[in-house]
């Protein structure tokens, strides 16, 4: 697997732009960041919850887009990225952000899991954001993927709560990552959340189990869109299962102990309108 990097100038980062390393042959994340942005709706919701001094946990950091955003906003961020060749870029990007921003970043070169250990991870060709920790053989859509060994770590062994925002994008390992962060979650009553919900790739539980876990923790959940609205478990499942299972699920946004809507009355009304139009 080639982890050659290229440096792009991102004018939207910091007061006058920032150099940012992406994987040279990436077909999804790299070109988007080179164009000035990545996951616009998720980034906006993420930043709406951050203040100087906020504490953030980024599980599945990839090249560090969200970690860098947190540092530039003055937050402390713990970022977990298990693929060594990608983590090298994450580290460089976080260091650049700390040179121009008031926040602090700590990189953990491991996958967040329910137990310390090692595992194999399948590396996606082209879309270098779709690397999946394996329980056995690679899934059919990654049958020819390169696999390497990575470290697994429990979040609770490295980060103590409270935190203010949790982002989990681990390509199907979300349930297991949360199992290793129970103490931190218990210590964080006011919490914003971004989490991938991808039934096809989910490991360790059934899709409904992950939603039940989050709802029982007190989270209000919806899709991370331009105008999120609160959704029931049944509605989230129905919409996720309508999608092409291999191409991905839904990015969910949630809060507990905090207002769900961050865009004032206009955003709340827009969300209500979307709720009435969608299945």
C-alpha atoms as a PDB file:
ATOM      1  CA  UNK A   1       0.000   0.000   0.000  1.00  0.00           C
ATOM      2  CA  UNK A   2       1.362   3.384  -1.018  1.00  0.00           C
ATOM      3  CA  UNK A   3       1.074   6.040   1.678  1.00  0.00           C
ATOM      4  CA  UNK A   4       2.775   8.795  -0.312  1.00  0.00           C
ATOM      5  CA  UNK A   5       1.521  12.204   0.727  1.00  0.00           C
ATOM      6  CA  UNK A   6       0.912  15.450  -1.021  1.00  0.00           C
ATOM      7  CA  UNK A   7       0.534  18.801   0.670  1.00  0.00           C
ATOM      8  CA  UNK A   8      -2.395  21.027  -0.233  1.00  0.00           C
ATOM      9  CA  UNK A   9      -3.183  24.531   0.912  1.00  0.00           C
ATOM     10  CA  UNK A  10      -6.571  24.757   2.630  1.00  0.00           C
ATOM     11  CA  UNK A  11      -7.662  28.418   2.790  1.00  0.00           C
ATOM     12  CA  UNK A  12     -10.524  27.690   5.218  1.00  0.00           C
ATOM     13  CA  UNK A  13      -8.206  26.475   7.998  1.00  0.00           C
ATOM     14  CA  UNK A  14      -6.898  29.071  10.424  1.00  0.00           C
ATOM     15  CA  UNK A  15      -6.835  32.827   9.943  1.00  0.00           C
ATOM     16  CA  UNK A  16      -4.968  32.670   6.613  1.00  0.00           C
ATOM     17  CA  UNK A  17      -5.051  29.041   5.520  1.00  0.00           C
ATOM     18  CA  UNK A  18      -2.942  26.028   6.436  1.00  0.00           C
ATOM     19  CA  UNK A  19      -0.900  23.389   4.627  1.00  0.00           C
ATOM     20  CA  UNK A  20      -2.524  19.975   4.992  1.00  0.00           C
ATOM     21  CA  UNK A  21      -1.173  16.549   4.038  1.00  0.00           C
ATOM     22  CA  UNK A  22      -3.460  14.097   2.226  1.00  0.00           C
ATOM     23  CA  UNK A  23      -2.731  10.745   0.632  1.00  0.00           C
ATOM     24  CA  UNK A  24      -1.612  11.373  -2.919  1.00  0.00           C
ATOM     25  CA  UNK A  25      -3.751   8.649  -4.525  1.00  0.00           C
ATOM     26  CA  UNK A  26      -6.850   9.028  -2.340  1.00  0.00           C
ATOM     27  CA  UNK A  27     -10.027   9.384  -4.408  1.00  0.00           C
ATOM     28  CA  UNK A  28     -12.472  10.733  -1.803  1.00  0.00           C
ATOM     29  CA  UNK A  29     -11.099  12.549   1.241  1.00  0.00           C
ATOM     30  CA  UNK A  30      -7.957  13.965  -0.389  1.00  0.00           C
ATOM     31  CA  UNK A  31      -9.624  15.687  -3.340  1.00  0.00           C
ATOM     32  CA  UNK A  32     -12.344  17.109  -1.103  1.00  0.00           C
ATOM     33  CA  UNK A  33      -9.855  18.613   1.346  1.00  0.00           C
ATOM     34  CA  UNK A  34      -7.795  19.916  -1.577  1.00  0.00           C
ATOM     35  CA  UNK A  35     -10.965  21.708  -2.646  1.00  0.00           C
ATOM     36  CA  UNK A  36     -11.208  23.374   0.757  1.00  0.00           C
ATOM     37  CA  UNK A  37     -13.606  21.224   2.765  1.00  0.00           C
ATOM     38  CA  UNK A  38     -14.578  17.759   3.981  1.00  0.00           C
ATOM     39  CA  UNK A  39     -17.983  16.645   5.290  1.00  0.00           C
ATOM     40  CA  UNK A  40     -19.397  20.150   5.440  1.00  0.00           C
ATOM     41  CA  UNK A  41     -22.496  19.361   7.502  1.00  0.00           C
ATOM     42  CA  UNK A  42     -20.607  17.220  10.004  1.00  0.00           C
ATOM     43  CA  UNK A  43     -17.867  19.844  10.340  1.00  0.00           C
ATOM     44  CA  UNK A  44     -20.407  22.617  10.971  1.00  0.00           C
ATOM     45  CA  UNK A  45     -22.203  20.611  13.665  1.00  0.00           C
ATOM     46  CA  UNK A  46     -18.869  19.636  15.227  1.00  0.00           C
ATOM     47  CA  UNK A  47     -17.624  23.218  15.437  1.00  0.00           C
ATOM     48  CA  UNK A  48     -20.941  24.475  16.818  1.00  0.00           C
ATOM     49  CA  UNK A  49     -20.232  22.541  20.020  1.00  0.00           C
ATOM     50  CA  UNK A  50     -16.617  23.608  20.529  1.00  0.00           C
ATOM     51  CA  UNK A  51     -15.279  26.431  22.651  1.00  0.00           C
ATOM     52  CA  UNK A  52     -11.759  27.250  23.831  1.00  0.00           C
ATOM     53  CA  UNK A  53     -10.933  24.620  26.420  1.00  0.00           C
ATOM     54  CA  UNK A  54     -13.390  22.012  25.106  1.00  0.00           C
ATOM     55  CA  UNK A  55     -12.234  18.384  25.177  1.00  0.00           C
ATOM     56  CA  UNK A  56     -12.758  16.184  22.125  1.00  0.00           C
ATOM     57  CA  UNK A  57     -12.322  12.500  21.339  1.00  0.00           C
ATOM     58  CA  UNK A  58     -11.820  11.616  17.652  1.00  0.00           C
ATOM     59  CA  UNK A  59     -12.013   7.866  16.980  1.00  0.00           C
ATOM     60  CA  UNK A  60     -11.035   7.037  13.426  1.00  0.00           C
ATOM     61  CA  UNK A  61      -9.151  10.257  12.782  1.00  0.00           C
ATOM     62  CA  UNK A  62      -7.793   9.328   9.336  1.00  0.00           C
ATOM     63  CA  UNK A  63      -5.653  12.268   8.143  1.00  0.00           C
ATOM     64  CA  UNK A  64      -6.921  14.469  10.971  1.00  0.00           C
ATOM     65  CA  UNK A  65      -9.508  16.818   9.479  1.00  0.00           C
ATOM     66  CA  UNK A  66     -11.674  16.929  12.609  1.00  0.00           C
ATOM     67  CA  UNK A  67      -8.703  16.863  14.971  1.00  0.00           C
ATOM     68  CA  UNK A  68      -7.243  19.890  13.205  1.00  0.00           C
ATOM     69  CA  UNK A  69     -10.584  21.698  13.389  1.00  0.00           C
ATOM     70  CA  UNK A  70     -10.670  21.065  17.139  1.00  0.00           C
ATOM     71  CA  UNK A  71      -7.131  22.380  17.673  1.00  0.00           C
ATOM     72  CA  UNK A  72      -7.835  25.524  15.667  1.00  0.00           C
ATOM     73  CA  UNK A  73     -10.975  26.078  17.772  1.00  0.00           C
ATOM     74  CA  UNK A  74      -8.903  25.979  20.965  1.00  0.00           C
ATOM     75  CA  UNK A  75      -9.925  22.490  22.084  1.00  0.00           C
ATOM     76  CA  UNK A  76      -7.890  19.587  23.397  1.00  0.00           C
ATOM     77  CA  UNK A  77      -8.353  16.558  21.149  1.00  0.00           C
ATOM     78  CA  UNK A  78      -7.345  12.930  21.573  1.00  0.00           C
ATOM     79  CA  UNK A  79      -7.237  11.347  18.113  1.00  0.00           C
ATOM     80  CA  UNK A  80      -7.049   7.593  17.461  1.00  0.00           C
ATOM     81  CA  UNK A  81      -5.736   6.401  14.068  1.00  0.00           C
ATOM     82  CA  UNK A  82      -4.402   2.841  13.723  1.00  0.00           C
ATOM     83  CA  UNK A  83      -2.885   2.724  10.211  1.00  0.00           C
ATOM     84  CA  UNK A  84       0.772   3.786  10.574  1.00  0.00           C
ATOM     85  CA  UNK A  85       1.122   5.361   7.136  1.00  0.00           C
ATOM     86  CA  UNK A  86      -2.024   7.445   7.677  1.00  0.00           C
ATOM     87  CA  UNK A  87      -1.190   8.294  11.291  1.00  0.00           C
ATOM     88  CA  UNK A  88       2.064   9.878  10.065  1.00  0.00           C
ATOM     89  CA  UNK A  89      -0.021  12.372   8.097  1.00  0.00           C
ATOM     90  CA  UNK A  90      -2.409  12.871  11.006  1.00  0.00           C
ATOM     91  CA  UNK A  91       0.501  13.765  13.239  1.00  0.00           C
ATOM     92  CA  UNK A  92       1.968  16.261  10.789  1.00  0.00           C
ATOM     93  CA  UNK A  93      -1.400  17.945  10.298  1.00  0.00           C
ATOM     94  CA  UNK A  94      -2.033  18.168  14.031  1.00  0.00           C
ATOM     95  CA  UNK A  95       1.418  19.657  14.620  1.00  0.00           C
ATOM     96  CA  UNK A  96       0.802  22.294  11.949  1.00  0.00           C
ATOM     97  CA  UNK A  97      -2.519  23.155  13.568  1.00  0.00           C
ATOM     98  CA  UNK A  98      -0.839  23.565  16.969  1.00  0.00           C
ATOM     99  CA  UNK A  99       1.609  26.030  15.417  1.00  0.00           C
ATOM    100  CA  UNK A 100      -1.209  28.411  14.442  1.00  0.00           C
ATOM    101  CA  UNK A 101      -4.096  27.452  16.744  1.00  0.00           C
ATOM    102  CA  UNK A 102      -4.548  27.648  20.518  1.00  0.00           C
ATOM    103  CA  UNK A 103      -5.619  24.027  21.045  1.00  0.00           C
ATOM    104  CA  UNK A 104      -3.732  20.836  21.790  1.00  0.00           C
ATOM    105  CA  UNK A 105      -3.702  17.461  20.052  1.00  0.00           C
ATOM    106  CA  UNK A 106      -2.638  14.026  21.276  1.00  0.00           C
ATOM    107  CA  UNK A 107      -2.359  11.219  18.728  1.00  0.00           C
ATOM    108  CA  UNK A 108      -2.922   7.584  19.695  1.00  0.00           C
ATOM    109  CA  UNK A 109      -1.626   5.189  17.041  1.00  0.00           C
ATOM    110  CA  UNK A 110      -4.223   2.502  17.640  1.00  0.00           C
ATOM    111  CA  UNK A 111      -7.810   1.556  16.897  1.00  0.00           C
ATOM    112  CA  UNK A 112     -10.314   2.139  19.672  1.00  0.00           C
ATOM    113  CA  UNK A 113     -11.620  -1.257  20.790  1.00  0.00           C
ATOM    114  CA  UNK A 114     -13.220  -3.130  23.671  1.00  0.00           C
ATOM    115  CA  UNK A 115      -9.904  -4.716  24.708  1.00  0.00           C
ATOM    116  CA  UNK A 116      -6.184  -4.102  24.287  1.00  0.00           C
ATOM    117  CA  UNK A 117      -4.534  -6.292  21.667  1.00  0.00           C
ATOM    118  CA  UNK A 118      -3.823  -6.518  17.956  1.00  0.00           C
ATOM    119  CA  UNK A 119      -5.925  -7.159  14.872  1.00  0.00           C
ATOM    120  CA  UNK A 120      -5.790  -7.175  11.107  1.00  0.00           C
ATOM    121  CA  UNK A 121      -7.139  -4.211   9.180  1.00  0.00           C
ATOM    122  CA  UNK A 122      -8.084  -4.297   5.489  1.00  0.00           C
ATOM    123  CA  UNK A 123      -6.843  -1.241   3.588  1.00  0.00           C
ATOM    124  CA  UNK A 124      -9.110   0.163   0.915  1.00  0.00           C
ATOM    125  CA  UNK A 125      -7.700   1.054  -2.491  1.00  0.00           C
ATOM    126  CA  UNK A 126      -8.609   4.546  -3.618  1.00  0.00           C
ATOM    127  CA  UNK A 127     -10.898   5.503  -0.752  1.00  0.00           C
ATOM    128  CA  UNK A 128      -8.347   5.541   2.050  1.00  0.00           C
ATOM    129  CA  UNK A 129     -11.043   6.422   4.553  1.00  0.00           C
ATOM    130  CA  UNK A 130     -12.602   2.961   4.271  1.00  0.00           C
ATOM    131  CA  UNK A 131     -10.151   0.790   6.214  1.00  0.00           C
ATOM    132  CA  UNK A 132     -11.883  -1.918   8.256  1.00  0.00           C
ATOM    133  CA  UNK A 133     -10.731  -3.915  11.268  1.00  0.00           C
ATOM    134  CA  UNK A 134     -11.381  -7.617  10.662  1.00  0.00           C
ATOM    135  CA  UNK A 135     -12.751 -10.394  12.838  1.00  0.00           C
ATOM    136  CA  UNK A 136     -11.766 -13.035  10.273  1.00  0.00           C
ATOM    137  CA  UNK A 137     -11.682 -12.843   6.504  1.00  0.00           C
ATOM    138  CA  UNK A 138     -12.135  -9.551   4.697  1.00  0.00           C
ATOM    139  CA  UNK A 139     -15.682  -8.796   3.492  1.00  0.00           C
ATOM    140  CA  UNK A 140     -16.519  -9.636  -0.111  1.00  0.00           C
ATOM    141  CA  UNK A 141     -16.092  -6.058  -1.311  1.00  0.00           C
ATOM    142  CA  UNK A 142     -12.536  -6.032   0.115  1.00  0.00           C
ATOM    143  CA  UNK A 143     -11.521  -9.585  -0.776  1.00  0.00           C
ATOM    144  CA  UNK A 144      -8.372  -8.405  -2.562  1.00  0.00           C
ATOM    145  CA  UNK A 145      -7.426  -5.711  -0.068  1.00  0.00           C
ATOM    146  CA  UNK A 146      -4.006  -5.496   1.550  1.00  0.00           C
ATOM    147  CA  UNK A 147      -4.175  -6.366   5.249  1.00  0.00           C
ATOM    148  CA  UNK A 148      -1.772  -5.262   7.972  1.00  0.00           C
ATOM    149  CA  UNK A 149      -1.596  -5.757  11.736  1.00  0.00           C
ATOM    150  CA  UNK A 150      -2.546  -2.845  13.973  1.00  0.00           C
ATOM    151  CA  UNK A 151      -2.767  -2.110  17.684  1.00  0.00           C
ATOM    152  CA  UNK A 152      -6.049  -2.081  19.592  1.00  0.00           C
ATOM    153  CA  UNK A 153      -6.509   0.036  22.710  1.00  0.00           C
ATOM    154  CA  UNK A 154      -9.333   0.841  25.130  1.00  0.00           C
ATOM    155  CA  UNK A 155     -10.086   4.549  25.254  1.00  0.00           C
ATOM    156  CA  UNK A 156     -10.553   4.313  29.033  1.00  0.00           C
ATOM    157  CA  UNK A 157      -6.912   3.266  29.415  1.00  0.00           C
ATOM    158  CA  UNK A 158      -5.717   6.508  27.801  1.00  0.00           C
ATOM    159  CA  UNK A 159      -8.322   9.270  28.143  1.00  0.00           C
ATOM    160  CA  UNK A 160     -10.325  10.319  31.173  1.00  0.00           C
ATOM    161  CA  UNK A 161     -13.578  12.245  31.060  1.00  0.00           C
ATOM    162  CA  UNK A 162     -15.346  14.472  30.938  1.00  0.00           C
ATOM    163  CA  UNK A 163     -15.244  15.306  27.250  1.00  0.00           C
ATOM    164  CA  UNK A 164     -17.478  17.695  25.336  1.00  0.00           C
ATOM    165  CA  UNK A 165     -17.630  16.043  21.924  1.00  0.00           C
ATOM    166  CA  UNK A 166     -17.222  12.493  20.614  1.00  0.00           C
ATOM    167  CA  UNK A 167     -16.676  11.679  16.954  1.00  0.00           C
ATOM    168  CA  UNK A 168     -16.652   7.981  15.973  1.00  0.00           C
ATOM    169  CA  UNK A 169     -16.010   6.973  12.360  1.00  0.00           C
ATOM    170  CA  UNK A 170     -14.379   3.548  12.564  1.00  0.00           C
ATOM    171  CA  UNK A 171     -15.868   1.786   9.535  1.00  0.00           C
ATOM    172  CA  UNK A 172     -17.989  -0.683  11.452  1.00  0.00           C
ATOM    173  CA  UNK A 173     -16.138  -0.838  14.779  1.00  0.00           C
ATOM    174  CA  UNK A 174     -18.286   1.805  16.494  1.00  0.00           C
ATOM    175  CA  UNK A 175     -19.913  -0.588  18.979  1.00  0.00           C
ATOM    176  CA  UNK A 176     -16.576  -2.027  20.093  1.00  0.00           C
ATOM    177  CA  UNK A 177     -15.017   1.426  20.376  1.00  0.00           C
ATOM    178  CA  UNK A 178     -17.828   2.536  22.700  1.00  0.00           C
ATOM    179  CA  UNK A 179     -17.449  -0.599  24.836  1.00  0.00           C
ATOM    180  CA  UNK A 180     -13.895   0.484  25.602  1.00  0.00           C
ATOM    181  CA  UNK A 181     -14.964   4.017  26.557  1.00  0.00           C
ATOM    182  CA  UNK A 182     -17.669   3.326  29.148  1.00  0.00           C
ATOM    183  CA  UNK A 183     -15.945   5.182  31.987  1.00  0.00           C
ATOM    184  CA  UNK A 184     -15.273   8.240  29.847  1.00  0.00           C
ATOM    185  CA  UNK A 185     -18.870   8.275  28.614  1.00  0.00           C
ATOM    186  CA  UNK A 186     -20.230   7.949  32.152  1.00  0.00           C
ATOM    187  CA  UNK A 187     -18.145  10.965  33.151  1.00  0.00           C
ATOM    188  CA  UNK A 188     -19.448  13.108  30.250  1.00  0.00           C
ATOM    189  CA  UNK A 189     -23.100  14.010  30.906  1.00  0.00           C
ATOM    190  CA  UNK A 190     -23.139  16.916  28.435  1.00  0.00           C
ATOM    191  CA  UNK A 191     -21.945  15.575  25.127  1.00  0.00           C
ATOM    192  CA  UNK A 192     -22.187  16.202  21.409  1.00  0.00           C
ATOM    193  CA  UNK A 193     -21.824  13.249  19.058  1.00  0.00           C
ATOM    194  CA  UNK A 194     -21.034  12.367  15.459  1.00  0.00           C
ATOM    195  CA  UNK A 195     -21.077   8.642  14.705  1.00  0.00           C
ATOM    196  CA  UNK A 196     -21.201   6.528  11.571  1.00  0.00           C
ATOM    197  CA  UNK A 197     -24.081   4.063  11.403  1.00  0.00           C
ATOM    198  CA  UNK A 198     -23.294   1.466   8.727  1.00  0.00           C
ATOM    199  CA  UNK A 199     -25.254  -1.757   9.248  1.00  0.00           C
ATOM    200  CA  UNK A 200     -23.350  -3.654   6.521  1.00  0.00           C
ATOM    201  CA  UNK A 201     -19.945  -3.229   8.185  1.00  0.00           C
ATOM    202  CA  UNK A 202     -20.986  -3.174  11.849  1.00  0.00           C
ATOM    203  CA  UNK A 203     -19.032  -5.552  14.100  1.00  0.00           C
ATOM    204  CA  UNK A 204     -19.906  -6.885  17.536  1.00  0.00           C
ATOM    205  CA  UNK A 205     -23.644  -6.223  17.569  1.00  0.00           C
ATOM    206  CA  UNK A 206     -26.799  -5.914  15.545  1.00  0.00           C
ATOM    207  CA  UNK A 207     -27.578  -2.467  14.077  1.00  0.00           C
ATOM    208  CA  UNK A 208     -30.507  -1.970  16.439  1.00  0.00           C
ATOM    209  CA  UNK A 209     -28.218  -2.708  19.415  1.00  0.00           C
ATOM    210  CA  UNK A 210     -25.978   0.255  18.595  1.00  0.00           C
ATOM    211  CA  UNK A 211     -28.957   2.598  18.359  1.00  0.00           C
ATOM    212  CA  UNK A 212     -30.405   1.212  21.599  1.00  0.00           C
ATOM    213  CA  UNK A 213     -27.079   1.780  23.340  1.00  0.00           C
ATOM    214  CA  UNK A 214     -26.953   5.432  22.288  1.00  0.00           C
ATOM    215  CA  UNK A 215     -30.610   6.106  23.045  1.00  0.00           C
ATOM    216  CA  UNK A 216     -30.346   4.430  26.450  1.00  0.00           C
ATOM    217  CA  UNK A 217     -27.358   6.671  27.183  1.00  0.00           C
ATOM    218  CA  UNK A 218     -29.699   9.609  26.744  1.00  0.00           C
ATOM    219  CA  UNK A 219     -28.730  10.783  23.261  1.00  0.00           C
ATOM    220  CA  UNK A 220     -31.183  12.458  20.938  1.00  0.00           C
ATOM    221  CA  UNK A 221     -30.222  11.255  17.450  1.00  0.00           C
ATOM    222  CA  UNK A 222     -30.715  12.454  13.890  1.00  0.00           C
ATOM    223  CA  UNK A 223     -28.859  12.551  10.602  1.00  0.00           C
ATOM    224  CA  UNK A 224     -25.885  14.894  10.274  1.00  0.00           C
ATOM    225  CA  UNK A 225     -27.382  17.085   7.545  1.00  0.00           C
ATOM    226  CA  UNK A 226     -27.867  20.755   6.822  1.00  0.00           C
ATOM    227  CA  UNK A 227     -30.922  20.687   9.112  1.00  0.00           C
ATOM    228  CA  UNK A 228     -30.939  17.718  11.519  1.00  0.00           C
ATOM    229  CA  UNK A 229     -34.128  16.655  13.228  1.00  0.00           C
ATOM    230  CA  UNK A 230     -34.636  14.117  16.037  1.00  0.00           C
ATOM    231  CA  UNK A 231     -35.352  10.605  14.719  1.00  0.00           C
ATOM    232  CA  UNK A 232     -36.657   7.411  16.258  1.00  0.00           C
ATOM    233  CA  UNK A 233     -34.662   4.196  16.141  1.00  0.00           C
ATOM    234  CA  UNK A 234     -37.123   2.751  13.664  1.00  0.00           C
ATOM    235  CA  UNK A 235     -36.809   5.706  11.314  1.00  0.00           C
ATOM    236  CA  UNK A 236     -33.012   5.647  11.390  1.00  0.00           C
ATOM    237  CA  UNK A 237     -32.969   1.904  10.695  1.00  0.00           C
ATOM    238  CA  UNK A 238     -35.453   2.215   7.841  1.00  0.00           C
ATOM    239  CA  UNK A 239     -33.501   4.990   6.134  1.00  0.00           C
ATOM    240  CA  UNK A 240     -30.144   3.265   6.607  1.00  0.00           C
ATOM    241  CA  UNK A 241     -31.417  -0.019   5.215  1.00  0.00           C
ATOM    242  CA  UNK A 242     -32.773   1.702   2.078  1.00  0.00           C
ATOM    243  CA  UNK A 243     -29.240   2.676   1.077  1.00  0.00           C
ATOM    244  CA  UNK A 244     -26.824   0.549  -0.924  1.00  0.00           C
ATOM    245  CA  UNK A 245     -25.386  -1.560   1.916  1.00  0.00           C
ATOM    246  CA  UNK A 246     -21.832  -1.644   0.586  1.00  0.00           C
ATOM    247  CA  UNK A 247     -21.543   2.068  -0.234  1.00  0.00           C
ATOM    248  CA  UNK A 248     -22.123   3.189   3.324  1.00  0.00           C
ATOM    249  CA  UNK A 249     -24.694   4.064   5.925  1.00  0.00           C
ATOM    250  CA  UNK A 250     -25.679   7.267   7.682  1.00  0.00           C
ATOM    251  CA  UNK A 251     -23.643   9.817   9.578  1.00  0.00           C
ATOM    252  CA  UNK A 252     -25.597  10.443  12.752  1.00  0.00           C
ATOM    253  CA  UNK A 253     -25.535  13.549  14.942  1.00  0.00           C
ATOM    254  CA  UNK A 254     -26.602  13.510  18.550  1.00  0.00           C
ATOM    255  CA  UNK A 255     -26.596  15.345  21.840  1.00  0.00           C
ATOM    256  CA  UNK A 256     -27.304  14.566  25.472  1.00  0.00           C
ATOM    257  CA  UNK A 257     -27.638  17.177  28.183  1.00  0.00           C
ATOM    258  CA  UNK A 258     -27.366  19.841  25.473  1.00  0.00           C
ATOM    259  CA  UNK A 259     -29.741  21.442  22.956  1.00  0.00           C
ATOM    260  CA  UNK A 260     -30.058  19.352  19.806  1.00  0.00           C
ATOM    261  CA  UNK A 261     -30.570  22.282  17.449  1.00  0.00           C
ATOM    262  CA  UNK A 262     -27.537  24.561  17.053  1.00  0.00           C
ATOM    263  CA  UNK A 263     -28.845  26.873  14.311  1.00  0.00           C
ATOM    264  CA  UNK A 264     -31.520  28.708  16.264  1.00  0.00           C
ATOM    265  CA  UNK A 265     -35.197  28.863  15.361  1.00  0.00           C
ATOM    266  CA  UNK A 266     -34.534  28.940  11.617  1.00  0.00           C
ATOM    267  CA  UNK A 267     -32.554  25.713  11.769  1.00  0.00           C
ATOM    268  CA  UNK A 268     -35.164  24.051  13.969  1.00  0.00           C
ATOM    269  CA  UNK A 269     -37.965  24.962  11.564  1.00  0.00           C
ATOM    270  CA  UNK A 270     -35.911  23.738   8.596  1.00  0.00           C
ATOM    271  CA  UNK A 271     -35.391  20.445  10.405  1.00  0.00           C
ATOM    272  CA  UNK A 272     -39.101  20.121  11.091  1.00  0.00           C
ATOM    273  CA  UNK A 273     -39.815  20.712   7.393  1.00  0.00           C
ATOM    274  CA  UNK A 274     -37.313  18.007   6.399  1.00  0.00           C
ATOM    275  CA  UNK A 275     -38.854  15.645   8.914  1.00  0.00           C
ATOM    276  CA  UNK A 276     -42.270  16.035   7.326  1.00  0.00           C
ATOM    277  CA  UNK A 277     -40.923  15.457   3.808  1.00  0.00           C
ATOM    278  CA  UNK A 278     -38.776  12.397   4.458  1.00  0.00           C
ATOM    279  CA  UNK A 279     -39.869   8.804   5.069  1.00  0.00           C
END
